[in-house]
Amino acid sequence: MSIQDIIEGKKQWRKHMARVKMLPQDYQIVYKEMQKYLFKVGPIDLPDGPLLPGIVDFFEEGAATGKGVLELIGTDVAAFCDDLIKDSRTYADVYQESISGASGTAEK
């Protein structure tokens, strides 16, 4: 990864966060909680993938129609996030694979 890639990534992240700041306050709060949760358990490609921008798109559409954020996603934010990433490879998967591989090599 070159310096130029890093700079471009930061520019894109700042634009993304500017879009988040344009959302209504309740949407911003839920987005930040989702972001925290997804960075802990989310897919490996989360920073570069389409998931976070897709959530912002979804939230912008919901806000434009006048719906509350909990009307869109329900009251269980973690369950909503889990459903979004159910088919994605996560850091937890990588960790489990490393444990499985490590115990398998220790037995040999």
N, C-alpha and C. Protein backbone atom coordinates (compact mmCIF):
# COMPACT_ATOMS: atom_id res chain seq x y z
N MET A 1 0.85 -1.18 0.00
CA MET A 1 0.00 0.00 0.00
C MET A 1 0.89 1.23 0.00
N SER A 2 0.69 2.07 -0.96
CA SER A 2 1.51 3.26 -1.10
C SER A 2 0.93 4.41 -0.27
N ILE A 3 1.72 5.43 -0.14
CA ILE A 3 1.28 6.64 0.56
C ILE A 3 0.05 7.23 -0.13
N GLN A 4 0.06 7.20 -1.45
CA GLN A 4 -1.07 7.74 -2.21
C GLN A 4 -2.35 6.98 -1.88
N ASP A 5 -2.26 5.65 -1.75
CA ASP A 5 -3.42 4.83 -1.39
C ASP A 5 -3.94 5.20 -0.01
N ILE A 6 -3.03 5.43 0.91
CA ILE A 6 -3.42 5.81 2.27
C ILE A 6 -4.12 7.16 2.27
N ILE A 7 -3.57 8.11 1.53
CA ILE A 7 -4.17 9.44 1.45
C ILE A 7 -5.55 9.36 0.83
N GLU A 8 -5.68 8.59 -0.25
CA GLU A 8 -6.98 8.44 -0.91
C GLU A 8 -7.98 7.77 0.02
N GLY A 9 -7.53 6.77 0.76
CA GLY A 9 -8.40 6.10 1.72
C GLY A 9 -8.91 7.05 2.79
N LYS A 10 -8.02 7.92 3.27
CA LYS A 10 -8.44 8.91 4.28
C LYS A 10 -9.44 9.90 3.71
N LYS A 11 -9.25 10.30 2.47
CA LYS A 11 -10.20 11.22 1.84
C LYS A 11 -11.58 10.58 1.74
N GLN A 12 -11.59 9.32 1.31
CA GLN A 12 -12.87 8.62 1.18
C GLN A 12 -13.53 8.45 2.55
N TRP A 13 -12.75 8.14 3.58
CA TRP A 13 -13.30 7.97 4.92
C TRP A 13 -13.89 9.29 5.43
N ARG A 14 -13.21 10.39 5.18
CA ARG A 14 -13.72 11.70 5.61
C ARG A 14 -15.03 12.04 4.91
N LYS A 15 -15.13 11.72 3.62
CA LYS A 15 -16.38 11.95 2.88
C LYS A 15 -17.49 11.09 3.45
N HIS A 16 -17.15 9.86 3.76
CA HIS A 16 -18.12 8.93 4.34
C HIS A 16 -18.64 9.47 5.67
N MET A 17 -17.74 9.89 6.53
CA MET A 17 -18.14 10.40 7.84
C MET A 17 -18.90 11.72 7.73
N ALA A 18 -18.62 12.51 6.70
CA ALA A 18 -19.39 13.74 6.47
C ALA A 18 -20.84 13.39 6.13
N ARG A 19 -21.03 12.30 5.38
CA ARG A 19 -22.40 11.85 5.08
C ARG A 19 -23.10 11.40 6.35
N VAL A 20 -22.38 10.73 7.22
CA VAL A 20 -22.97 10.28 8.49
C VAL A 20 -23.41 11.49 9.32
N LYS A 21 -22.59 12.52 9.34
CA LYS A 21 -22.91 13.71 10.13
C LYS A 21 -24.11 14.48 9.58
N MET A 22 -24.47 14.21 8.35
CA MET A 22 -25.65 14.86 7.76
C MET A 22 -26.96 14.15 8.14
N LEU A 23 -26.84 12.95 8.69
CA LEU A 23 -28.03 12.19 9.09
C LEU A 23 -28.65 12.80 10.34
N PRO A 24 -29.93 12.53 10.59
CA PRO A 24 -30.55 12.96 11.85
C PRO A 24 -29.81 12.35 13.05
N GLN A 25 -29.92 12.98 14.18
CA GLN A 25 -29.16 12.59 15.37
C GLN A 25 -29.38 11.12 15.76
N ASP A 26 -30.63 10.64 15.73
CA ASP A 26 -30.87 9.24 16.12
C ASP A 26 -30.21 8.27 15.16
N TYR A 27 -30.19 8.60 13.89
CA TYR A 27 -29.50 7.77 12.90
C TYR A 27 -27.99 7.76 13.16
N GLN A 28 -27.44 8.91 13.51
CA GLN A 28 -26.01 9.00 13.80
C GLN A 28 -25.62 8.12 14.99
N ILE A 29 -26.44 8.16 16.02
CA ILE A 29 -26.15 7.37 17.22
C ILE A 29 -26.16 5.88 16.89
N VAL A 30 -27.19 5.45 16.18
CA VAL A 30 -27.29 4.03 15.82
C VAL A 30 -26.16 3.65 14.87
N TYR A 31 -25.83 4.50 13.91
CA TYR A 31 -24.74 4.19 12.99
C TYR A 31 -23.43 3.99 13.75
N LYS A 32 -23.14 4.87 14.69
CA LYS A 32 -21.89 4.77 15.44
C LYS A 32 -21.84 3.49 16.27
N GLU A 33 -22.98 3.09 16.83
CA GLU A 33 -23.03 1.83 17.57
C GLU A 33 -22.83 0.64 16.63
N MET A 34 -23.45 0.71 15.46
CA MET A 34 -23.26 -0.35 14.46
C MET A 34 -21.81 -0.41 14.01
N GLN A 35 -21.22 0.73 13.81
CA GLN A 35 -19.83 0.79 13.38
C GLN A 35 -18.92 0.16 14.43
N LYS A 36 -19.13 0.50 15.69
CA LYS A 36 -18.32 -0.10 16.76
C LYS A 36 -18.46 -1.61 16.77
N TYR A 37 -19.70 -2.07 16.69
CA TYR A 37 -19.97 -3.50 16.72
C TYR A 37 -19.32 -4.19 15.53
N LEU A 38 -19.48 -3.63 14.35
CA LEU A 38 -18.94 -4.25 13.15
C LEU A 38 -17.42 -4.25 13.13
N PHE A 39 -16.79 -3.22 13.69
CA PHE A 39 -15.33 -3.22 13.74
C PHE A 39 -14.82 -4.27 14.72
N LYS A 40 -15.63 -4.66 15.70
CA LYS A 40 -15.23 -5.72 16.63
C LYS A 40 -15.42 -7.10 16.04
N VAL A 41 -16.57 -7.35 15.41
CA VAL A 41 -16.89 -8.70 14.97
C VAL A 41 -17.11 -8.80 13.46
N GLY A 42 -16.96 -7.72 12.78
CA GLY A 42 -17.37 -7.67 11.38
C GLY A 42 -16.46 -8.36 10.41
N PRO A 43 -16.80 -8.26 9.16
CA PRO A 43 -16.05 -8.93 8.11
C PRO A 43 -14.65 -8.34 7.94
N ILE A 44 -13.79 -9.15 7.39
CA ILE A 44 -12.40 -8.75 7.19
C ILE A 44 -12.31 -7.56 6.25
N ASP A 45 -13.16 -7.51 5.25
CA ASP A 45 -13.09 -6.43 4.26
C ASP A 45 -13.93 -5.21 4.64
N LEU A 46 -14.25 -5.06 5.90
CA LEU A 46 -15.12 -3.96 6.33
C LEU A 46 -14.60 -2.58 5.95
N PRO A 47 -13.33 -2.25 6.22
CA PRO A 47 -12.88 -0.89 5.90
C PRO A 47 -12.92 -0.56 4.40
N ASP A 48 -12.69 -1.55 3.56
CA ASP A 48 -12.64 -1.30 2.12
C ASP A 48 -13.91 -1.74 1.39
N GLY A 49 -14.76 -2.45 2.07
CA GLY A 49 -15.93 -3.03 1.42
C GLY A 49 -17.10 -2.08 1.33
N PRO A 50 -18.19 -2.56 0.76
CA PRO A 50 -19.37 -1.72 0.52
C PRO A 50 -20.35 -1.67 1.70
N LEU A 51 -20.07 -2.37 2.80
CA LEU A 51 -21.06 -2.48 3.87
C LEU A 51 -21.37 -1.14 4.54
N LEU A 52 -20.35 -0.43 5.02
CA LEU A 52 -20.61 0.83 5.73
C LEU A 52 -21.24 1.89 4.82
N PRO A 53 -20.74 2.09 3.60
CA PRO A 53 -21.43 3.04 2.72
C PRO A 53 -22.85 2.60 2.39
N GLY A 54 -23.07 1.30 2.31
CA GLY A 54 -24.42 0.80 2.05
C GLY A 54 -25.37 1.10 3.19
N ILE A 55 -24.86 1.01 4.42
CA ILE A 55 -25.68 1.35 5.59
C ILE A 55 -26.06 2.82 5.54
N VAL A 56 -25.09 3.67 5.20
CA VAL A 56 -25.38 5.11 5.12
C VAL A 56 -26.41 5.38 4.03
N ASP A 57 -26.29 4.71 2.89
CA ASP A 57 -27.29 4.86 1.82
C ASP A 57 -28.68 4.49 2.33
N PHE A 58 -28.76 3.35 3.02
CA PHE A 58 -30.01 2.86 3.58
C PHE A 58 -30.59 3.85 4.58
N PHE A 59 -29.73 4.40 5.44
CA PHE A 59 -30.17 5.37 6.44
C PHE A 59 -30.62 6.67 5.78
N GLU A 60 -29.91 7.12 4.74
CA GLU A 60 -30.31 8.35 4.05
C GLU A 60 -31.69 8.20 3.43
N GLU A 61 -31.95 7.04 2.85
CA GLU A 61 -33.27 6.79 2.26
C GLU A 61 -34.35 6.77 3.34
N GLY A 62 -34.05 6.13 4.47
CA GLY A 62 -35.02 6.07 5.57
C GLY A 62 -35.31 7.44 6.15
N ALA A 63 -34.27 8.23 6.31
CA ALA A 63 -34.45 9.58 6.84
C ALA A 63 -35.25 10.45 5.86
N ALA A 64 -35.01 10.25 4.57
CA ALA A 64 -35.72 11.03 3.56
C ALA A 64 -37.22 10.72 3.56
N THR A 65 -37.58 9.49 3.92
CA THR A 65 -39.01 9.13 3.97
C THR A 65 -39.64 9.46 5.31
N GLY A 66 -38.83 9.95 6.25
CA GLY A 66 -39.36 10.36 7.54
C GLY A 66 -39.49 9.24 8.56
N LYS A 67 -38.90 8.09 8.28
CA LYS A 67 -38.97 6.97 9.23
C LYS A 67 -37.90 7.13 10.30
N GLY A 68 -38.20 6.63 11.48
CA GLY A 68 -37.21 6.57 12.54
C GLY A 68 -36.25 5.43 12.28
N VAL A 69 -35.07 5.54 12.82
CA VAL A 69 -34.05 4.54 12.55
C VAL A 69 -34.46 3.16 13.06
N LEU A 70 -35.14 3.10 14.21
CA LEU A 70 -35.55 1.81 14.75
C LEU A 70 -36.69 1.19 13.95
N GLU A 71 -37.43 2.00 13.22
CA GLU A 71 -38.44 1.45 12.30
C GLU A 71 -37.76 0.69 11.16
N LEU A 72 -36.58 1.14 10.78
CA LEU A 72 -35.85 0.51 9.69
C LEU A 72 -35.16 -0.78 10.11
N ILE A 73 -34.49 -0.74 11.25
CA ILE A 73 -33.63 -1.88 11.61
C ILE A 73 -34.16 -2.71 12.76
N GLY A 74 -35.16 -2.23 13.48
CA GLY A 74 -35.65 -2.94 14.65
C GLY A 74 -34.91 -2.49 15.91
N THR A 75 -35.26 -3.07 17.03
CA THR A 75 -34.69 -2.63 18.30
C THR A 75 -33.39 -3.34 18.66
N ASP A 76 -33.08 -4.45 18.00
CA ASP A 76 -31.86 -5.19 18.29
C ASP A 76 -30.82 -4.88 17.22
N VAL A 77 -29.98 -3.91 17.51
CA VAL A 77 -28.98 -3.44 16.55
C VAL A 77 -27.97 -4.54 16.24
N ALA A 78 -27.54 -5.28 17.25
CA ALA A 78 -26.56 -6.34 17.04
C ALA A 78 -27.11 -7.43 16.13
N ALA A 79 -28.37 -7.80 16.32
CA ALA A 79 -28.98 -8.82 15.47
C ALA A 79 -29.06 -8.34 14.02
N PHE A 80 -29.37 -7.06 13.83
CA PHE A 80 -29.41 -6.49 12.49
C PHE A 80 -28.03 -6.57 11.85
N CYS A 81 -27.00 -6.21 12.60
CA CYS A 81 -25.62 -6.27 12.09
C CYS A 81 -25.22 -7.71 11.78
N ASP A 82 -25.57 -8.62 12.68
CA ASP A 82 -25.23 -10.03 12.45
C ASP A 82 -25.88 -10.54 11.17
N ASP A 83 -27.10 -10.11 10.91
CA ASP A 83 -27.78 -10.53 9.70
C ASP A 83 -27.09 -9.97 8.45
N LEU A 84 -26.55 -8.76 8.56
CA LEU A 84 -25.84 -8.16 7.43
C LEU A 84 -24.57 -8.92 7.07
N ILE A 85 -23.91 -9.47 8.07
CA ILE A 85 -22.60 -10.10 7.83
C ILE A 85 -22.65 -11.62 7.91
N LYS A 86 -23.83 -12.20 7.89
CA LYS A 86 -23.95 -13.64 8.13
C LYS A 86 -23.17 -14.49 7.12
N ASP A 87 -22.99 -14.03 5.91
CA ASP A 87 -22.28 -14.81 4.89
C ASP A 87 -20.86 -14.31 4.65
N SER A 88 -20.37 -13.42 5.50
CA SER A 88 -19.05 -12.85 5.32
C SER A 88 -18.04 -13.53 6.24
N ARG A 89 -16.81 -13.58 5.79
CA ARG A 89 -15.73 -14.12 6.62
C ARG A 89 -15.32 -13.03 7.61
N THR A 90 -15.33 -13.37 8.90
CA THR A 90 -15.05 -12.39 9.95
C THR A 90 -13.71 -12.67 10.62
N TYR A 91 -13.28 -11.72 11.43
CA TYR A 91 -12.06 -11.92 12.21
C TYR A 91 -12.23 -13.07 13.20
N ALA A 92 -13.43 -13.26 13.68
CA ALA A 92 -13.69 -14.39 14.58
C ALA A 92 -13.47 -15.71 13.85
N ASP A 93 -13.86 -15.78 12.59
CA ASP A 93 -13.62 -16.99 11.79
C ASP A 93 -12.12 -17.24 11.64
N VAL A 94 -11.38 -16.20 11.35
CA VAL A 94 -9.93 -16.33 11.19
C VAL A 94 -9.31 -16.81 12.50
N TYR A 95 -9.77 -16.26 13.60
CA TYR A 95 -9.25 -16.66 14.90
C TYR A 95 -9.56 -18.13 15.19
N GLN A 96 -10.79 -18.53 14.92
CA GLN A 96 -11.16 -19.93 15.14
C GLN A 96 -10.33 -20.87 14.27
N GLU A 97 -10.08 -20.48 13.04
CA GLU A 97 -9.26 -21.29 12.16
C GLU A 97 -7.83 -21.38 12.67
N SER A 98 -7.31 -20.28 13.21
CA SER A 98 -5.95 -20.33 13.73
C SER A 98 -5.84 -21.21 14.96
N ILE A 99 -6.89 -21.21 15.78
CA ILE A 99 -6.89 -22.08 16.96
C ILE A 99 -6.98 -23.54 16.53
N SER A 100 -7.84 -23.81 15.59
CA SER A 100 -8.00 -25.18 15.09
C SER A 100 -6.70 -25.68 14.47
N GLY A 101 -6.09 -24.82 13.69
CA GLY A 101 -4.80 -25.19 13.07
C GLY A 101 -3.70 -25.34 14.08
N ALA A 102 -3.69 -24.47 15.10
CA ALA A 102 -2.64 -24.52 16.11
C ALA A 102 -2.76 -25.78 16.96
N SER A 103 -3.99 -26.15 17.32
CA SER A 103 -4.16 -27.35 18.15
C SER A 103 -3.86 -28.60 17.32
N GLY A 104 -4.17 -28.56 16.02
CA GLY A 104 -3.88 -29.70 15.15
C GLY A 104 -2.41 -29.94 14.98
N THR A 105 -1.63 -28.86 14.93
CA THR A 105 -0.18 -29.02 14.77
C THR A 105 0.46 -29.41 16.09
N ALA A 106 -0.12 -29.02 17.18
CA ALA A 106 0.44 -29.38 18.49
C ALA A 106 0.30 -30.86 18.78
N GLU A 107 -0.75 -31.48 18.21
CA GLU A 107 -1.00 -32.89 18.45
C GLU A 107 -0.05 -33.77 17.65
N LYS A 108 0.51 -33.26 16.56
CA LYS A 108 1.36 -34.09 15.70
C LYS A 108 2.70 -34.36 16.28
